[in-house]
Amino acid sequence: MKLMPRLLLVLVVSGFPFSSSAVAEMSKAELRKIPGKLFPKDTNVNGLLELDELKSRPEICKTKNKPALPLQKRHMKFDFNKDNFIDRNDLTKFQNGNKNRAKLWVGKFNIIDCNANQKLEAEEIVLFFRNRNKSKDTSKKSIFKLVENFSSIDCDKNNSLDGLEIRWFWTDRSCPEAGFELGGVKTYSGKDMDNSQVEKVNNKFHKLKIPSPANTVPIADVHMHMFNTGRSNPQNLFRLMNQNNVKWGGGVGLYSEKMQELLGDRYIPMFGRLEWWNVNRKFGNDGLNPENKIISEMLQRAEVLLKAKKIKGFGEIHVQNLKSGGVPKFNFNLQLDIPVIIRMYEIANKYNGVLQFHTELDDKERAIKLALKYPNTKTILSHCLPGGSTPDDWREILTETKNVYCEISGGGNGPTVGSAKATIYDENGLTSGYLELLKEFPDRFLLGSDPCCRLLPLYKSVIMSQRSMLSHLSPDLMKKLAYENAVRIFNLKEPKNYKN
């Protein structure tokens, strides 16, 4: 039987028994560090632990397929409606009227309730009492404690636990006040926005009245990160896409087979970002070369995936971000024509692939030269080449090349990330210079959200601001920028599992 809700046990906190990497997928060795030796199996091999995986241990839940047992006589006092089940709500009422007589049942309800139907069956009760001593592990890091306290740990009540919520539980901190999930947002300028600032942004953009057809036009989000940690997981991004009529999403990594399975043809799979960041973090910029073992293996795997048409190309690859990174400890100060990127171009050129780079104005001439040298590639410059680029710079790029594209993102170019100034668009439309560029080169612009750096709480605001901007365009330009250009550039298919 399928058990819900999901438990996303992904921790990014050093000092706890799980990986502290940016993408904290858990190895078998790490799973074994859960106290009690009741480590669960990551049966779907997604690096996460779901509630059904936690309960898969026979010591917790392993009921047998046989006719339902009748409740024992001493337990019938809890069965108020006489349906041979102990209902959670009735049990709570009984406890309230009889002080501690039902304390055990209420406190251990999640552990006893193996099939998560909010009712206790005789077989579940028998199993629990048979293994009751094993559930007395007092460590907050035990499986029993996570299952037992699931609802109280789940601060945002989204039926999943992320690393931050588990950290609060393990360190004896209660849930923050309502709206905590909005806190700690880091803007693209690297400055933090507190709850009140984020709520102000969301209050503004969630209330926008978007005229038709901009309010319903499908969007291809070509800068939608999936980090597989916290709320940046396939299920949550899938939910956000559906809520905001984002028809396709991805374009920047991390590459995820889970995401591919969930989204199908709605996913824009790209490759290389995880390995690129991991090497930079361990070896610095000097490690980013084809001789590095991790980079070499990444290039080889990318070619295999491109040939099999499982990915669209490389991205998002950070080259320069000193003026536009937002995360100082992950600085990149490279150039587009270094050997490892040349190798990416060679591979992408062979398979008509896409490359998406986060680089800055200093790389303008190099971007033009590489695009001309490798005509089968399609180069997307994230955030429309930050670091001081102007419409005149882009007119030069677009005039001299046929395969370089400007990605207008919510992170860096729009009005929702706390920047002092929206550089390319706001809710009232594109700035005049970029509006003229779009009219002149209507096939060369794309939309992206860039929900990195803890920006996911602003996702709806980003999409709403972009829809408002789209409403100021002609219907033809609106469709090209919203999704038609992305469909052509990434060779996207009409998804089967999409409903507007």
Protein backbone atom coordinates (compact mmCIF):
# COMPACT_ATOMS: atom_id res chain seq x y z
CA MET A 1 0.00 0.00 0.00
CA LYS A 2 1.20 3.49 -0.79
CA LEU A 3 1.98 5.59 2.25
CA MET A 4 1.82 9.35 2.33
CA PRO A 5 2.94 11.97 3.06
CA ARG A 6 6.48 11.97 1.72
CA LEU A 7 9.45 12.53 3.98
CA LEU A 8 12.19 14.38 2.17
CA LEU A 9 15.13 13.74 4.45
CA VAL A 10 17.76 15.85 2.74
CA LEU A 11 20.12 17.65 5.07
CA VAL A 12 22.56 20.39 4.24
CA VAL A 13 23.73 21.05 7.77
CA SER A 14 27.27 20.17 8.70
CA GLY A 15 27.60 18.40 12.00
CA PHE A 16 24.69 16.04 11.35
CA PRO A 17 25.07 12.50 10.11
CA PHE A 18 24.28 13.32 6.50
CA SER A 19 26.15 14.90 3.65
CA SER A 20 26.63 18.65 3.87
CA SER A 21 27.17 19.08 0.13
CA ALA A 22 24.98 21.38 -1.90
CA VAL A 23 23.08 18.35 -3.16
CA ALA A 24 22.79 16.13 -0.12
CA GLU A 25 21.82 12.80 -1.58
CA MET A 26 22.44 10.13 1.00
CA SER A 27 24.78 7.20 0.51
CA LYS A 28 24.29 3.80 2.14
CA ALA A 29 27.04 4.66 4.61
CA GLU A 30 25.21 7.83 5.60
CA LEU A 31 21.91 6.00 5.99
CA ARG A 32 23.57 3.60 8.41
CA LYS A 33 24.44 6.52 10.69
CA ILE A 34 20.80 6.87 11.69
CA PRO A 35 20.75 5.62 15.31
CA GLY A 36 19.12 2.32 16.11
CA LYS A 37 20.50 0.34 13.15
CA LEU A 38 17.06 0.62 11.58
CA PHE A 39 18.40 2.38 8.53
CA PRO A 40 15.89 2.39 5.68
CA LYS A 41 16.59 1.53 2.08
CA ASP A 42 16.48 4.23 -0.57
CA THR A 43 14.40 1.92 -2.72
CA ASN A 44 13.76 4.38 -5.55
CA VAL A 45 17.43 5.49 -5.54
CA ASN A 46 16.61 9.19 -5.58
CA GLY A 47 18.83 10.18 -2.65
CA LEU A 48 15.78 10.97 -0.50
CA LEU A 49 13.80 9.11 2.14
CA GLU A 50 10.05 8.90 1.79
CA LEU A 51 7.73 7.99 4.65
CA ASP A 52 6.98 4.61 3.11
CA GLU A 53 10.74 3.92 2.98
CA LEU A 54 11.03 4.78 6.67
CA LYS A 55 8.16 2.45 7.49
CA SER A 56 9.45 -0.34 5.26
CA ARG A 57 11.56 -1.72 8.11
CA PRO A 58 9.79 -4.73 9.64
CA GLU A 59 10.50 -3.36 13.12
CA ILE A 60 8.27 -0.40 12.32
CA CYS A 61 5.60 -1.61 9.92
CA LYS A 62 5.29 -5.02 8.34
CA THR A 63 1.68 -6.12 8.45
CA LYS A 64 0.71 -9.40 6.83
CA ASN A 65 -1.83 -9.87 4.11
CA LYS A 66 -4.61 -11.63 5.98
CA PRO A 67 -8.19 -10.85 7.03
CA ALA A 68 -8.49 -7.95 9.43
CA LEU A 69 -8.27 -8.93 13.08
CA PRO A 70 -10.99 -7.77 15.49
CA LEU A 71 -9.94 -5.27 18.11
CA GLN A 72 -9.04 -6.79 21.42
CA LYS A 73 -11.62 -6.26 24.13
CA ARG A 74 -9.46 -3.84 26.13
CA HIS A 75 -9.05 -1.65 23.07
CA MET A 76 -12.73 -1.44 22.15
CA LYS A 77 -13.24 1.44 24.57
CA PHE A 78 -11.45 3.66 22.02
CA ASP A 79 -13.66 2.53 19.13
CA PHE A 80 -16.43 5.08 19.57
CA ASN A 81 -18.26 4.44 16.29
CA LYS A 82 -17.87 0.65 16.55
CA ASP A 83 -16.30 0.17 13.11
CA ASN A 84 -13.42 -1.98 14.42
CA PHE A 85 -10.98 0.93 14.01
CA ILE A 86 -9.57 3.44 16.47
CA ASP A 87 -10.07 6.83 14.90
CA ARG A 88 -7.47 9.52 15.58
CA ASN A 89 -9.93 12.31 16.27
CA ASP A 90 -11.95 10.20 18.70
CA LEU A 91 -8.74 9.15 20.39
CA THR A 92 -7.73 12.77 20.91
CA LYS A 93 -11.15 13.59 22.36
CA PHE A 94 -10.85 10.64 24.72
CA GLN A 95 -7.44 11.86 25.89
CA ASN A 96 -8.76 15.36 26.51
CA GLY A 97 -11.50 13.96 28.76
CA ASN A 98 -9.43 11.34 30.54
CA LYS A 99 -6.07 13.08 30.91
CA ASN A 100 -3.29 10.54 30.33
CA ARG A 101 -5.30 7.39 29.64
CA ALA A 102 -4.77 7.66 25.86
CA LYS A 103 -1.40 9.42 25.97
CA LEU A 104 0.51 6.47 24.52
CA TRP A 105 -1.92 6.04 21.64
CA VAL A 106 -1.92 9.71 20.65
CA GLY A 107 1.84 10.11 20.98
CA LYS A 108 2.70 7.00 18.97
CA PHE A 109 -0.13 7.29 16.46
CA ASN A 110 2.07 7.88 13.40
CA ILE A 111 4.20 4.85 14.23
CA ILE A 112 1.23 2.55 14.87
CA ASP A 113 -0.69 3.77 11.81
CA CYS A 114 1.31 1.87 9.20
CA ASN A 115 -0.95 2.59 6.25
CA ALA A 116 -1.39 6.27 7.19
CA ASN A 117 -5.18 6.18 6.96
CA GLN A 118 -5.66 7.97 10.31
CA LYS A 119 -7.21 4.81 11.80
CA LEU A 120 -5.58 2.13 13.92
CA GLU A 121 -6.33 -1.46 12.99
CA ALA A 122 -5.92 -4.48 15.28
CA GLU A 123 -3.03 -5.86 13.26
CA GLU A 124 -1.16 -2.55 13.49
CA ILE A 125 -1.71 -2.41 17.25
CA VAL A 126 -0.47 -5.97 17.76
CA LEU A 127 2.66 -5.24 15.71
CA PHE A 128 3.38 -2.07 17.67
CA PHE A 129 3.16 -3.69 21.10
CA ARG A 130 5.23 -6.62 19.88
CA ASN A 131 8.04 -4.20 18.98
CA ARG A 132 7.31 -1.48 21.50
CA ASN A 133 10.69 -1.63 23.22
CA LYS A 134 12.45 -0.88 19.93
CA SER A 135 10.46 2.34 19.58
CA LYS A 136 11.71 3.64 22.94
CA ASP A 137 14.88 5.01 21.36
CA THR A 138 14.98 8.52 22.82
CA SER A 139 17.39 9.92 20.23
CA LYS A 140 15.75 12.61 18.15
CA LYS A 141 17.73 11.32 15.20
CA SER A 142 16.03 7.93 15.20
CA ILE A 143 13.57 6.90 12.55
CA PHE A 144 10.90 6.42 15.20
CA LYS A 145 11.16 10.02 16.38
CA LEU A 146 10.94 11.40 12.83
CA VAL A 147 7.86 9.31 12.08
CA GLU A 148 6.29 9.89 15.49
CA ASN A 149 6.65 13.68 15.34
CA PHE A 150 6.08 14.12 11.63
CA SER A 151 3.20 16.59 11.85
CA SER A 152 4.94 18.85 14.35
CA ILE A 153 8.23 18.82 12.39
CA ASP A 154 6.39 19.72 9.20
CA CYS A 155 6.33 23.46 9.93
CA ASP A 156 4.97 24.61 6.60
CA LYS A 157 2.36 21.81 6.48
CA ASN A 158 3.27 20.73 2.96
CA ASN A 159 3.37 17.03 3.89
CA SER A 160 7.14 16.78 3.58
CA LEU A 161 10.14 17.45 5.76
CA ASP A 162 13.19 19.24 4.49
CA GLY A 163 16.62 19.61 6.05
CA LEU A 164 15.82 22.93 7.70
CA GLU A 165 12.73 21.57 9.46
CA ILE A 166 14.65 18.51 10.65
CA ARG A 167 17.48 20.71 11.89
CA TRP A 168 14.98 22.71 13.97
CA PHE A 169 13.61 19.48 15.43
CA TRP A 170 17.01 17.97 16.20
CA THR A 171 18.22 21.16 17.88
CA ASP A 172 15.07 21.58 20.01
CA ARG A 173 13.82 24.64 18.18
CA SER A 174 10.12 25.14 17.54
CA CYS A 175 8.71 26.20 14.20
CA PRO A 176 9.10 29.91 13.43
CA GLU A 177 6.07 32.07 12.99
CA ALA A 178 3.90 31.65 9.91
CA GLY A 179 5.70 32.65 6.74
CA PHE A 180 9.08 31.21 7.76
CA GLU A 181 9.51 29.58 4.37
CA LEU A 182 9.86 33.04 2.90
CA GLY A 183 12.74 33.99 5.18
CA GLY A 184 16.40 33.95 4.30
CA VAL A 185 15.82 34.73 0.63
CA LYS A 186 19.04 35.89 -0.98
CA THR A 187 18.61 38.42 -3.77
CA TYR A 188 20.71 38.40 -6.89
CA SER A 189 22.77 41.24 -5.50
CA GLY A 190 23.75 38.90 -2.66
CA LYS A 191 21.71 40.72 -0.02
CA ASP A 192 19.25 38.89 2.19
CA MET A 193 15.56 39.79 2.20
CA ASP A 194 13.76 39.33 5.49
CA ASN A 195 10.21 38.02 5.82
CA SER A 196 8.58 41.43 5.65
CA GLN A 197 10.43 42.34 2.44
CA VAL A 198 9.54 39.06 0.76
CA GLU A 199 5.92 39.31 1.85
CA LYS A 200 5.81 42.83 0.45
CA VAL A 201 7.06 41.59 -2.93
CA ASN A 202 4.60 38.69 -2.97
CA ASN A 203 1.68 40.87 -1.90
CA LYS A 204 2.42 43.18 -4.78
CA PHE A 205 2.85 40.65 -7.56
CA HIS A 206 0.32 38.05 -6.47
CA LYS A 207 -2.37 40.72 -6.73
CA LEU A 208 -1.52 41.80 -10.27
CA LYS A 209 -4.44 41.69 -12.67
CA ILE A 210 -3.02 40.16 -15.84
CA PRO A 211 -5.15 40.69 -18.95
CA SER A 212 -5.86 37.89 -21.39
CA PRO A 213 -4.15 36.19 -23.17
CA ALA A 214 -1.00 36.89 -21.12
CA ASN A 215 -2.65 35.50 -17.99
CA THR A 216 -2.98 32.04 -19.54
CA VAL A 217 -0.25 31.81 -22.17
CA PRO A 218 1.98 28.76 -21.48
CA ILE A 219 5.52 29.59 -20.37
CA ALA A 220 8.75 27.72 -20.98
CA ASP A 221 10.98 28.41 -17.99
CA VAL A 222 14.49 27.81 -19.36
CA HIS A 223 16.23 28.79 -16.13
CA MET A 224 14.48 26.59 -13.57
CA HIS A 225 17.01 25.00 -11.22
CA MET A 226 16.40 21.70 -9.44
CA PHE A 227 18.93 21.19 -6.62
CA ASN A 228 17.26 18.13 -5.04
CA THR A 229 17.56 19.68 -1.60
CA GLY A 230 15.01 21.33 0.66
CA ARG A 231 12.06 22.59 -1.39
CA SER A 232 14.06 22.51 -4.62
CA ASN A 233 12.95 18.97 -5.37
CA PRO A 234 11.10 17.46 -8.35
CA GLN A 235 7.74 17.20 -6.61
CA ASN A 236 7.68 20.81 -5.39
CA LEU A 237 8.85 22.22 -8.73
CA PHE A 238 6.24 20.11 -10.52
CA ARG A 239 3.61 21.62 -8.20
CA LEU A 240 4.85 25.18 -8.83
CA MET A 241 4.85 24.62 -12.59
CA ASN A 242 1.25 23.40 -12.52
CA GLN A 243 0.11 26.23 -10.26
CA ASN A 244 1.66 28.87 -12.54
CA ASN A 245 0.95 27.33 -15.96
CA VAL A 246 4.62 26.75 -16.71
CA LYS A 247 4.43 24.17 -19.48
CA TRP A 248 8.14 23.35 -19.72
CA GLY A 249 10.90 23.82 -17.14
CA GLY A 250 14.62 23.22 -16.72
CA GLY A 251 17.39 24.38 -19.00
CA VAL A 252 20.04 24.74 -16.30
CA GLY A 253 20.32 21.58 -14.20
CA LEU A 254 20.84 19.81 -12.01
CA TYR A 255 20.22 16.87 -14.30
CA SER A 256 17.73 14.56 -12.62
CA GLU A 257 16.32 11.26 -13.86
CA LYS A 258 13.63 11.66 -11.18
CA MET A 259 12.68 15.00 -12.70
CA GLN A 260 12.67 13.45 -16.15
CA GLU A 261 10.41 10.65 -14.96
CA LEU A 262 8.00 13.05 -13.26
CA LEU A 263 7.80 15.75 -15.94
CA GLY A 264 8.29 13.69 -19.09
CA ASP A 265 8.37 15.97 -22.15
CA ARG A 266 7.84 19.02 -19.91
CA TYR A 267 11.42 18.71 -18.65
CA ILE A 268 14.33 20.54 -20.32
CA PRO A 269 17.26 18.36 -19.17
CA MET A 270 20.74 19.90 -19.10
CA PHE A 271 23.97 18.51 -17.72
CA GLY A 272 27.27 19.41 -16.08
CA ARG A 273 26.38 22.00 -13.45
CA LEU A 274 26.78 19.69 -10.44
CA GLU A 275 30.22 18.45 -11.47
CA TRP A 276 31.31 21.96 -12.44
CA TRP A 277 30.43 23.40 -9.04
CA ASN A 278 31.83 20.45 -7.10
CA VAL A 279 35.20 20.71 -8.83
CA ASN A 280 35.35 24.46 -8.31
CA ARG A 281 34.52 24.06 -4.65
CA LYS A 282 37.24 21.42 -4.15
CA PHE A 283 40.00 22.60 -6.48
CA GLY A 284 39.11 26.19 -7.34
CA ASN A 285 39.00 27.61 -10.85
CA ASP A 286 42.26 25.82 -11.74
CA GLY A 287 40.54 22.44 -11.39
CA LEU A 288 38.12 23.21 -14.22
CA ASN A 289 40.02 21.57 -17.04
CA PRO A 290 39.57 18.43 -19.18
CA GLU A 291 42.35 16.61 -17.28
CA ASN A 292 40.44 16.71 -14.01
CA LYS A 293 38.96 13.24 -13.48
CA ILE A 294 35.50 14.51 -12.49
CA ILE A 295 35.36 16.91 -15.43
CA SER A 296 36.64 14.25 -17.84
CA GLU A 297 33.99 11.79 -16.73
CA MET A 298 31.33 14.50 -16.92
CA LEU A 299 32.25 15.27 -20.54
CA GLN A 300 32.18 11.60 -21.47
CA ARG A 301 28.81 11.03 -19.84
CA ALA A 302 27.38 14.18 -21.41
CA GLU A 303 28.27 12.91 -24.87
CA VAL A 304 26.59 9.58 -24.15
CA LEU A 305 23.44 11.35 -22.90
CA LEU A 306 23.39 13.77 -25.83
CA LYS A 307 23.73 10.94 -28.30
CA ALA A 308 20.87 9.10 -26.59
CA LYS A 309 18.82 12.36 -26.64
CA LYS A 310 18.38 12.27 -22.88
CA ILE A 311 19.74 15.80 -22.40
CA LYS A 312 19.70 18.97 -24.48
CA GLY A 313 23.23 20.10 -23.66
CA PHE A 314 25.35 21.75 -20.97
CA GLY A 315 24.14 24.26 -18.40
CA GLU A 316 24.09 26.32 -16.40
CA ILE A 317 27.90 26.60 -16.55
CA HIS A 318 29.30 29.52 -14.56
CA VAL A 319 32.25 31.21 -16.25
CA GLN A 320 32.30 34.72 -14.80
CA ASN A 321 30.11 35.80 -11.90
CA LEU A 322 32.22 38.19 -9.81
CA LYS A 323 29.76 41.01 -10.53
CA SER A 324 26.64 38.90 -10.69
CA GLY A 325 27.05 35.71 -8.67
CA GLY A 326 25.13 36.38 -5.48
CA VAL A 327 27.06 33.57 -3.71
CA PRO A 328 30.56 34.86 -2.86
CA LYS A 329 32.02 31.49 -1.85
CA PHE A 330 31.27 30.16 -5.34
CA ASN A 331 33.13 32.67 -7.44
CA PHE A 332 34.16 31.99 -11.03
CA ASN A 333 36.67 34.11 -12.90
CA LEU A 334 37.25 32.25 -16.15
CA GLN A 335 36.88 32.90 -19.87
CA LEU A 336 34.63 31.24 -22.41
CA ASP A 337 37.51 30.03 -24.58
CA ILE A 338 39.29 27.87 -21.99
CA PRO A 339 39.97 24.24 -23.06
CA VAL A 340 37.18 22.60 -21.07
CA ILE A 341 34.52 24.88 -22.53
CA ILE A 342 35.96 24.42 -26.02
CA ARG A 343 35.44 20.68 -25.45
CA MET A 344 31.80 21.34 -24.47
CA TYR A 345 31.34 23.27 -27.71
CA GLU A 346 32.85 20.41 -29.71
CA ILE A 347 30.48 17.88 -28.15
CA ALA A 348 27.43 20.14 -28.47
CA ASN A 349 28.29 20.97 -32.08
CA LYS A 350 28.36 17.27 -32.92
CA TYR A 351 24.82 16.72 -31.61
CA ASN A 352 23.20 20.13 -32.30
CA GLY A 353 23.22 20.79 -28.56
CA VAL A 354 22.55 23.80 -26.36
CA LEU A 355 25.00 25.50 -24.01
CA GLN A 356 23.81 27.89 -21.30
CA PHE A 357 26.49 30.02 -19.66
CA HIS A 358 26.45 32.45 -16.79
CA THR A 359 29.16 34.85 -17.86
CA GLU A 360 29.57 38.61 -18.05
CA LEU A 361 30.12 41.41 -20.53
CA ASP A 362 33.89 40.76 -20.68
CA ASP A 363 33.12 37.55 -22.59
CA LYS A 364 31.08 39.20 -25.34
CA GLU A 365 33.66 38.89 -28.12
CA ARG A 366 34.56 35.34 -27.12
CA ALA A 367 30.88 34.34 -27.19
CA ILE A 368 30.58 35.69 -30.73
CA LYS A 369 33.72 33.88 -31.94
CA LEU A 370 32.70 30.54 -30.46
CA ALA A 371 29.20 30.76 -31.88
CA LEU A 372 30.64 31.39 -35.35
CA LYS A 373 33.19 28.58 -35.03
CA TYR A 374 30.57 26.04 -33.87
CA PRO A 375 27.48 26.81 -35.98
CA ASN A 376 25.51 23.72 -34.89
CA THR A 377 25.48 24.85 -31.27
CA LYS A 378 23.01 27.18 -29.62
CA THR A 379 24.51 29.43 -26.92
CA ILE A 380 22.21 30.90 -24.28
CA LEU A 381 23.72 33.69 -22.21
CA SER A 382 21.98 33.62 -18.82
CA HIS A 383 20.53 36.88 -17.53
CA CYS A 384 21.29 38.45 -20.91
CA LEU A 385 25.01 38.75 -20.14
CA PRO A 386 25.14 40.65 -16.82
CA GLY A 387 28.02 42.83 -15.70
CA GLY A 388 27.08 45.97 -17.58
CA SER A 389 25.76 44.82 -20.98
CA THR A 390 23.46 47.21 -22.84
CA PRO A 391 21.00 46.89 -25.72
CA ASP A 392 23.81 48.08 -28.01
CA ASP A 393 26.02 45.18 -26.86
CA TRP A 394 23.21 42.77 -27.62
CA ARG A 395 22.51 44.32 -31.01
CA GLU A 396 26.14 43.59 -31.91
CA ILE A 397 25.89 39.98 -30.67
CA LEU A 398 22.60 39.28 -32.42
CA THR A 399 23.68 40.93 -35.65
CA GLU A 400 26.98 39.04 -35.93
CA THR A 401 25.59 35.61 -34.94
CA LYS A 402 22.57 33.46 -35.66
CA ASN A 403 22.88 31.06 -32.72
CA VAL A 404 23.29 33.16 -29.54
CA TYR A 405 20.28 33.88 -27.34
CA CYS A 406 19.43 36.32 -24.55
CA GLU A 407 17.77 34.70 -21.50
CA ILE A 408 15.67 37.20 -19.55
CA SER A 409 15.47 35.88 -16.01
CA GLY A 410 13.59 36.82 -12.88
CA GLY A 411 16.85 36.42 -11.00
CA GLY A 412 18.85 39.40 -12.16
CA ASN A 413 16.76 41.14 -14.82
CA GLY A 414 13.36 41.69 -13.21
CA PRO A 415 11.69 43.58 -10.37
CA THR A 416 11.15 40.79 -7.84
CA VAL A 417 14.57 40.09 -6.33
CA GLY A 418 15.24 43.19 -4.32
CA SER A 419 17.57 44.76 -6.87
CA ALA A 420 17.86 48.52 -6.78
CA LYS A 421 16.72 48.60 -10.41
CA ALA A 422 15.05 46.19 -12.80
CA THR A 423 17.58 46.04 -15.63
CA ILE A 424 15.52 44.64 -18.51
CA TYR A 425 11.86 44.48 -17.54
CA ASP A 426 9.30 45.20 -14.86
CA GLU A 427 5.57 44.62 -14.58
CA ASN A 428 5.00 47.49 -17.02
CA GLY A 429 6.95 45.88 -19.84
CA LEU A 430 10.44 45.66 -21.29
CA THR A 431 12.68 48.69 -21.00
CA SER A 432 12.67 50.68 -24.22
CA GLY A 433 16.04 49.50 -25.54
CA TYR A 434 15.23 45.82 -25.06
CA LEU A 435 11.70 46.22 -26.44
CA GLU A 436 13.20 47.51 -29.69
CA LEU A 437 15.68 44.63 -29.70
CA LEU A 438 12.89 42.07 -29.27
CA LYS A 439 10.98 43.59 -32.18
CA GLU A 440 14.16 43.52 -34.30
CA PHE A 441 15.24 39.99 -33.24
CA PRO A 442 12.00 38.28 -32.10
CA ASP A 443 13.47 34.75 -32.31
CA ARG A 444 16.46 35.36 -30.05
CA PHE A 445 14.98 35.91 -26.58
CA LEU A 446 13.91 33.45 -23.86
CA LEU A 447 12.30 33.57 -20.41
CA GLY A 448 13.63 32.05 -17.20
CA SER A 449 12.85 32.31 -13.50
CA ASP A 450 16.19 31.36 -11.85
CA PRO A 451 14.80 30.08 -8.52
CA CYS A 452 18.23 29.58 -7.02
CA CYS A 453 19.74 31.13 -3.89
CA ARG A 454 16.59 30.41 -1.88
CA LEU A 455 14.38 32.33 -4.34
CA LEU A 456 11.69 29.62 -4.60
CA PRO A 457 9.31 31.53 -2.24
CA LEU A 458 9.22 34.23 -4.94
CA TYR A 459 8.49 31.84 -7.83
CA LYS A 460 4.88 32.89 -8.33
CA SER A 461 5.86 36.56 -8.10
CA VAL A 462 8.54 36.08 -10.77
CA ILE A 463 6.09 34.38 -13.14
CA MET A 464 3.39 36.98 -12.44
CA SER A 465 5.83 39.82 -13.15
CA GLN A 466 6.79 38.15 -16.42
CA ARG A 467 3.17 37.63 -17.42
CA SER A 468 2.53 41.30 -16.73
CA MET A 469 5.49 42.20 -18.93
CA LEU A 470 4.20 39.87 -21.67
CA SER A 471 0.81 41.60 -21.59
CA HIS A 472 2.44 44.72 -23.07
CA LEU A 473 3.60 42.84 -26.19
CA SER A 474 1.76 41.98 -29.38
CA PRO A 475 0.26 38.47 -29.39
CA ASP A 476 2.93 37.17 -31.78
CA LEU A 477 5.84 38.58 -29.75
CA MET A 478 4.26 37.40 -26.52
CA LYS A 479 4.06 33.78 -27.71
CA LYS A 480 7.59 33.80 -29.10
CA LEU A 481 9.09 35.06 -25.84
CA ALA A 482 6.84 32.98 -23.58
CA TYR A 483 7.46 29.59 -25.19
CA GLU A 484 7.78 29.37 -28.99
CA ASN A 485 11.47 30.29 -29.10
CA ALA A 486 12.27 27.76 -26.37
CA VAL A 487 10.35 25.02 -28.18
CA ARG A 488 12.41 25.64 -31.33
CA ILE A 489 15.80 26.05 -29.64
CA PHE A 490 15.49 23.03 -27.33
CA ASN A 491 13.41 20.99 -29.80
CA LEU A 492 10.71 20.51 -27.18
CA LYS A 493 7.79 18.17 -27.71
CA GLU A 494 4.16 18.75 -26.91
CA PRO A 495 3.84 17.10 -23.48
CA LYS A 496 1.25 14.39 -22.95
CA ASN A 497 0.84 15.03 -19.22
CA TYR A 498 0.09 18.76 -19.43
CA LYS A 499 -3.25 20.38 -18.67
CA ASN A 500 -3.65 24.15 -18.82
